[in-house]
Protein backbone atom coordinates (compact mmCIF):
# COMPACT_ATOMS: atom_id res chain seq x y z
CA UNK A 1 19.91 6.38 -1.08
CA UNK A 2 23.25 4.72 -1.61
CA UNK A 3 22.25 1.04 -1.28
CA UNK A 4 22.30 -0.63 -4.40
CA UNK A 5 23.67 2.58 -6.51
CA UNK A 6 25.42 2.07 -9.81
CA UNK A 7 27.30 4.66 -11.78
CA UNK A 8 25.47 3.55 -14.93
CA UNK A 9 22.04 1.81 -15.29
CA UNK A 10 22.09 1.32 -19.10
CA UNK A 11 22.80 -2.54 -18.99
CA UNK A 12 20.53 -3.33 -15.98
CA UNK A 13 17.78 -5.60 -16.51
CA UNK A 14 14.98 -3.81 -14.69
CA UNK A 15 12.10 -6.58 -15.32
CA UNK A 16 10.08 -7.49 -12.67
CA UNK A 17 10.23 -11.00 -11.39
CA UNK A 18 7.43 -13.47 -11.99
CA UNK A 19 4.45 -13.50 -9.44
CA UNK A 20 5.63 -16.03 -6.48
CA UNK A 21 3.05 -18.59 -6.17
CA UNK A 22 2.86 -18.08 -2.67
CA UNK A 23 1.13 -14.76 -3.11
CA UNK A 24 -2.06 -16.37 -4.06
CA UNK A 25 -2.37 -17.93 -0.42
CA UNK A 26 -2.17 -14.44 0.91
CA UNK A 27 -4.50 -12.64 -1.45
CA UNK A 28 -7.16 -15.23 -1.91
CA UNK A 29 -8.81 -15.21 1.67
CA UNK A 30 -9.04 -11.51 1.77
CA UNK A 31 -12.28 -10.02 1.69
CA UNK A 32 -13.14 -7.29 -0.88
CA UNK A 33 -12.13 -3.91 0.85
CA UNK A 34 -14.61 -1.09 0.63
CA UNK A 35 -11.63 1.01 -0.30
CA UNK A 36 -8.41 0.35 -1.73
CA UNK A 37 -5.58 2.96 -1.52
CA UNK A 38 -2.26 3.58 -3.01
CA UNK A 39 -0.09 5.99 -1.05
CA UNK A 40 2.71 7.63 -2.80
CA UNK A 41 5.49 9.85 -1.55
CA UNK A 42 9.08 10.51 -1.36
CA UNK A 43 11.40 10.32 1.74
CA UNK A 44 12.10 13.61 3.50
CA UNK A 45 10.20 16.88 3.52
CA UNK A 46 12.96 19.54 4.47
CA UNK A 47 13.83 20.51 1.05
CA UNK A 48 14.64 24.15 0.22
CA UNK A 49 15.10 23.42 -3.41
CA UNK A 50 11.30 22.38 -3.65
CA UNK A 51 10.44 26.11 -2.59
CA UNK A 52 8.56 27.93 -5.68
CA UNK A 53 8.27 24.53 -7.57
CA UNK A 54 6.49 22.34 -5.36
CA UNK A 55 6.09 24.25 -2.26
CA UNK A 56 4.78 27.95 -2.21
CA UNK A 57 7.29 30.75 -3.09
CA UNK A 58 8.78 32.04 0.22
CA UNK A 59 7.64 28.97 2.25
CA UNK A 60 9.43 28.86 5.63
CA UNK A 61 11.11 25.59 6.80
CA UNK A 62 8.82 25.64 9.93
CA UNK A 63 5.90 24.94 7.30
CA UNK A 64 7.63 22.51 4.89
CA UNK A 65 6.04 19.46 6.45
CA UNK A 66 2.33 21.12 6.16
CA UNK A 67 3.52 21.87 2.37
CA UNK A 68 4.68 18.40 1.71
CA UNK A 69 1.50 16.92 3.21
CA UNK A 70 -0.64 19.06 0.84
CA UNK A 71 1.24 17.58 -2.28
CA UNK A 72 1.67 13.99 -1.30
CA UNK A 73 -0.09 11.43 0.77
CA UNK A 74 2.54 9.67 2.71
CA UNK A 75 6.14 9.80 3.53
CA UNK A 76 8.90 7.43 4.39
CA UNK A 77 9.58 9.09 7.60
CA UNK A 78 13.38 8.92 8.34
CA UNK A 79 13.26 11.40 11.18
CA UNK A 80 12.38 8.65 13.60
CA UNK A 81 15.48 6.39 12.52
CA UNK A 82 17.79 8.92 14.02
CA UNK A 83 16.13 9.83 17.07
CA UNK A 84 13.38 8.39 19.31
CA UNK A 85 10.20 10.51 18.73
CA UNK A 86 8.52 11.90 21.74
CA UNK A 87 4.83 12.16 21.90
CA UNK A 88 4.63 15.85 21.74
CA UNK A 89 6.51 15.82 18.60
CA UNK A 90 4.33 13.04 17.23
CA UNK A 91 1.24 15.29 17.97
CA UNK A 92 2.96 18.35 16.22
CA UNK A 93 3.56 16.38 13.19
CA UNK A 94 0.08 14.84 12.99
CA UNK A 95 -1.69 18.03 13.53
CA UNK A 96 -0.32 19.87 10.40
CA UNK A 97 -1.34 16.96 7.95
CA UNK A 98 -4.77 16.41 6.11
CA UNK A 99 -6.71 13.54 7.17
CA UNK A 100 -5.85 11.29 4.14
CA UNK A 101 -1.99 11.63 5.01
CA UNK A 102 -0.23 8.55 6.54
CA UNK A 103 3.14 8.74 8.10
CA UNK A 104 5.50 5.66 7.72
CA UNK A 105 7.96 6.19 10.46
CA UNK A 106 11.24 4.27 10.28
CA UNK A 107 12.09 2.18 13.43
CA UNK A 108 14.89 3.95 15.14
CA UNK A 109 18.38 2.33 14.47
CA UNK A 110 19.28 1.99 18.17
CA UNK A 111 16.52 -0.72 17.79
CA UNK A 112 16.93 -2.06 14.32
CA UNK A 113 20.86 -2.22 14.34
CA UNK A 114 21.05 -3.38 18.00
CA UNK A 115 21.97 -7.34 18.32
CA UNK A 116 18.97 -8.02 20.32
CA UNK A 117 16.50 -5.54 18.47
CA UNK A 118 16.21 -3.73 21.86
CA UNK A 119 14.39 -6.72 23.50
CA UNK A 120 16.56 -6.15 26.66
CA UNK A 121 15.29 -2.78 27.20
CA UNK A 122 12.13 -0.79 26.77
CA UNK A 123 12.93 1.11 23.46
CA UNK A 124 10.60 -0.78 21.27
CA UNK A 125 7.76 -0.19 23.71
CA UNK A 126 8.53 3.43 24.03
CA UNK A 127 8.51 3.82 20.17
CA UNK A 128 5.22 2.18 20.02
CA UNK A 129 3.62 4.15 22.65
CA UNK A 130 4.98 7.34 20.75
CA UNK A 131 3.47 6.23 17.42
CA UNK A 132 0.07 5.75 18.96
CA UNK A 133 -0.09 9.67 19.10
CA UNK A 134 -0.18 9.63 15.24
CA UNK A 135 -3.74 8.19 15.50
CA UNK A 136 -5.24 7.73 12.13
CA UNK A 137 -2.33 9.44 10.42
CA UNK A 138 0.00 6.33 11.11
CA UNK A 139 0.44 4.26 8.21
CA UNK A 140 2.90 1.52 8.52
CA UNK A 141 5.97 1.60 10.61
CA UNK A 142 9.21 0.29 8.88
CA UNK A 143 11.95 -2.08 10.47
CA UNK A 144 15.01 -1.97 8.14
CA UNK A 145 17.45 -4.50 9.32
CA UNK A 146 21.22 -4.11 8.60
CA UNK A 147 22.81 -6.36 5.94
CA UNK A 148 24.45 -8.76 8.36
CA UNK A 149 21.07 -9.67 9.96
CA UNK A 150 20.56 -13.11 8.16
CA UNK A 151 18.51 -16.21 8.55
CA UNK A 152 20.29 -17.41 11.70
CA UNK A 153 19.15 -14.09 13.43
CA UNK A 154 15.39 -15.36 12.76
CA UNK A 155 14.85 -16.33 16.26
CA UNK A 156 15.59 -12.71 17.37
CA UNK A 157 13.16 -11.26 14.95
CA UNK A 158 10.41 -13.95 15.98
CA UNK A 159 10.85 -12.64 19.43
CA UNK A 160 10.61 -9.02 18.26
CA UNK A 161 7.44 -9.53 16.19
CA UNK A 162 5.72 -11.51 18.96
CA UNK A 163 6.08 -8.39 21.25
CA UNK A 164 5.76 -5.58 18.85
CA UNK A 165 3.68 -6.45 16.03
CA UNK A 166 0.27 -6.32 18.02
CA UNK A 167 1.10 -2.79 18.91
CA UNK A 168 1.63 -1.15 15.68
CA UNK A 169 1.42 -1.96 11.78
CA UNK A 170 4.70 -3.04 10.90
CA UNK A 171 6.83 -3.80 7.78
CA UNK A 172 10.27 -5.40 7.61
CA UNK A 173 13.02 -4.80 5.01
CA UNK A 174 16.13 -7.47 4.65
CA UNK A 175 19.19 -7.30 2.87
CA UNK A 176 21.03 -10.32 3.52
CA UNK A 177 21.37 -12.32 0.20
CA UNK A 178 20.30 -15.47 1.96
CA UNK A 179 16.76 -14.09 2.31
CA UNK A 180 16.30 -14.25 -1.50
CA UNK A 181 17.43 -17.72 -2.27
CA UNK A 182 15.08 -20.68 -2.68
CA UNK A 183 16.08 -22.35 0.54
CA UNK A 184 14.13 -23.44 3.61
CA UNK A 185 15.49 -20.74 5.94
CA UNK A 186 14.35 -17.91 3.41
CA UNK A 187 10.81 -19.34 3.26
CA UNK A 188 10.69 -19.41 6.96
CA UNK A 189 11.34 -15.65 7.01
CA UNK A 190 8.30 -14.98 4.79
CA UNK A 191 6.29 -17.45 6.77
CA UNK A 192 7.13 -15.51 9.98
CA UNK A 193 5.96 -12.17 8.57
CA UNK A 194 2.64 -13.58 7.40
CA UNK A 195 2.10 -15.32 10.55
CA UNK A 196 2.46 -12.10 12.57
CA UNK A 197 0.52 -9.98 9.74
CA UNK A 198 3.68 -8.10 8.98
CA UNK A 199 4.40 -6.64 5.48
CA UNK A 200 7.60 -7.38 3.60
CA UNK A 201 9.33 -4.25 2.18
CA UNK A 202 10.10 -4.56 -1.66
CA UNK A 203 12.98 -2.48 -2.79
CA UNK A 204 13.53 -1.65 -6.71
CA UNK A 205 16.86 -0.66 -7.07
CA UNK A 206 19.65 -1.13 -9.66
CA UNK A 207 22.35 -2.54 -7.98
CA UNK A 208 20.43 -5.41 -5.91
CA UNK A 209 17.84 -6.84 -7.96
CA UNK A 210 17.30 -9.68 -5.60
CA UNK A 211 15.73 -7.40 -3.03
CA UNK A 212 12.95 -6.76 -5.57
CA UNK A 213 11.42 -10.20 -4.54
CA UNK A 214 7.57 -9.50 -5.06
CA UNK A 215 6.57 -11.45 -1.98
CA UNK A 216 3.42 -10.31 -0.23
CA UNK A 217 2.78 -11.24 3.25
CA UNK A 218 -0.03 -9.00 4.53
CA UNK A 219 -2.98 -6.96 3.44
CA UNK A 220 -0.60 -4.20 2.64
CA UNK A 221 2.95 -3.92 0.95
CA UNK A 222 5.67 -1.35 1.00
CA UNK A 223 7.62 -0.43 -2.24
CA UNK A 224 10.68 1.53 -2.30
CA UNK A 225 11.41 2.51 -5.79
CA UNK A 226 14.97 3.90 -6.45
CA UNK A 227 15.02 6.29 -9.57
CA UNK A 228 18.00 7.05 -11.46
CA UNK A 229 17.72 10.91 -12.11
CA UNK A 230 14.61 10.45 -14.53
CA UNK A 231 16.67 8.12 -16.68
CA UNK A 232 14.15 6.60 -19.31
CA UNK A 233 14.11 3.35 -17.52
CA UNK A 234 12.53 5.01 -14.46
CA UNK A 235 9.44 5.49 -16.69
CA UNK A 236 9.22 2.04 -17.88
CA UNK A 237 9.71 0.57 -14.62
CA UNK A 238 7.03 2.60 -13.17
CA UNK A 239 4.48 1.36 -16.15
CA UNK A 240 5.57 -2.27 -14.93
CA UNK A 241 4.83 -1.52 -11.51
CA UNK A 242 1.24 -0.25 -12.58
CA UNK A 243 0.56 -3.52 -13.87
CA UNK A 244 1.77 -5.31 -11.00
CA UNK A 245 0.05 -3.51 -8.41
CA UNK A 246 -3.38 -3.53 -10.58
CA UNK A 247 -3.10 -7.42 -10.66
CA UNK A 248 -2.69 -7.34 -6.48
CA UNK A 249 -5.25 -4.80 -5.85
CA UNK A 250 -7.60 -6.78 -8.19
CA UNK A 251 -7.18 -9.90 -6.41
CA UNK A 252 -7.65 -8.31 -2.88
CA UNK A 253 -4.52 -6.11 -1.66
CA UNK A 254 -5.89 -3.42 0.50
CA UNK A 255 -3.16 -0.70 0.56
CA UNK A 256 0.13 -0.10 -0.93
CA UNK A 257 2.92 2.49 -0.06
CA UNK A 258 5.02 3.55 -2.94
CA UNK A 259 8.10 5.63 -1.80
CA UNK A 260 9.92 7.31 -4.60
CA UNK A 261 13.63 7.90 -4.17
CA UNK A 262 15.93 10.02 -6.63
CA UNK A 263 19.44 11.09 -6.35
CA UNK A 264 19.47 13.73 -3.41
CA UNK A 265 15.71 13.55 -3.45
CA UNK A 266 15.65 16.74 -5.79
CA UNK A 267 13.56 15.01 -8.62
CA UNK A 268 11.33 12.80 -6.35
CA UNK A 269 8.31 15.16 -6.87
CA UNK A 270 8.66 14.65 -10.53
CA UNK A 271 8.84 11.04 -10.24
CA UNK A 272 5.90 10.99 -7.95
CA UNK A 273 3.75 12.98 -10.23
CA UNK A 274 4.34 10.47 -13.02
CA UNK A 275 3.60 7.73 -10.79
CA UNK A 276 0.39 9.31 -9.75
CA UNK A 277 -0.74 9.89 -13.31
CA UNK A 278 0.33 6.48 -14.52
CA UNK A 279 -1.17 4.58 -11.63
CA UNK A 280 -4.48 6.51 -11.95
CA UNK A 281 -4.85 5.86 -15.55
CA UNK A 282 -3.89 2.04 -15.17
CA UNK A 283 -5.66 0.96 -11.78
CA UNK A 284 -9.17 2.62 -12.37
CA UNK A 285 -10.85 3.43 -9.11
CA UNK A 286 -7.78 3.30 -6.98
CA UNK A 287 -7.62 5.83 -4.07
CA UNK A 288 -4.52 8.26 -4.72
CA UNK A 289 -3.28 11.55 -5.13
CA UNK A 290 -0.14 13.08 -6.42
CA UNK A 291 1.66 16.52 -6.43
CA UNK A 292 1.12 19.38 -8.73
CA UNK A 293 3.58 22.25 -9.23
CA UNK A 294 2.64 25.28 -7.53
CA UNK A 295 0.61 27.82 -9.37
CA UNK A 296 2.63 29.48 -12.17
CA UNK A 297 5.28 26.74 -12.34
CA UNK A 298 5.55 24.38 -15.29
CA UNK A 299 6.21 20.54 -14.61
CA UNK A 300 9.20 18.97 -15.99
CA UNK A 301 7.72 15.76 -17.14
CA UNK A 302 4.41 16.67 -19.15
């Protein structure tokens, strides 16, 4: 993930922002869920370097998704960002994962990067129809808007959400700096997501601290955590996130998706394992699972 990447993070202040007062209005009305779940996983599963360490020795590429889903309980699923999924592919992906696994498919860039968000065609509906075949394995789809998409484009987003949000669980990531300033047009964005019961994606990355905004707009949240090669700050940041997530779950949040990124994805399992251990220790009773090195292999963290 190149967005917000820095050559050195030694001088970055990774402190999480204060709790936005608007979050209380989202969490307070929520009924206490019978089960609260924290899903943790990387992005991408087609990783040959994980064979023999996180995937069984000799694992075939055709089985990588099955082995991935045995280790993690979610995935930031970028495959759908580059091509529209067809129902048969969705069913094939669904059929190799366990019942507690959740896909979070990224909306195709032919939609997310179109000026009209695909509203003048049928692509958004086709995408939602394909996602329906995930069944219970569908977590929350993910609309990543380009950096030029700003507050002046909210009218288009409002039309998109009115049409698509009722059809699939949805989250939205924005990158235009004006969305993170204390201005009425920025507040209009958060209110729009809340109105349509859409989650706001939070991205914790070194070079764009503004996108780590802490706003909740729904019963779920999605966090994209970008590590720095297991730099010491990666671990202190995970501890801070455990405290923040505990507070949100204590106050009614129902589910969170925590996506772990590391350079080239190579160390993402190690980071995920640390997250699972830390979150499990600091958030008692939360439903989660994390990866374990395959038999005979030593982990690099513990």
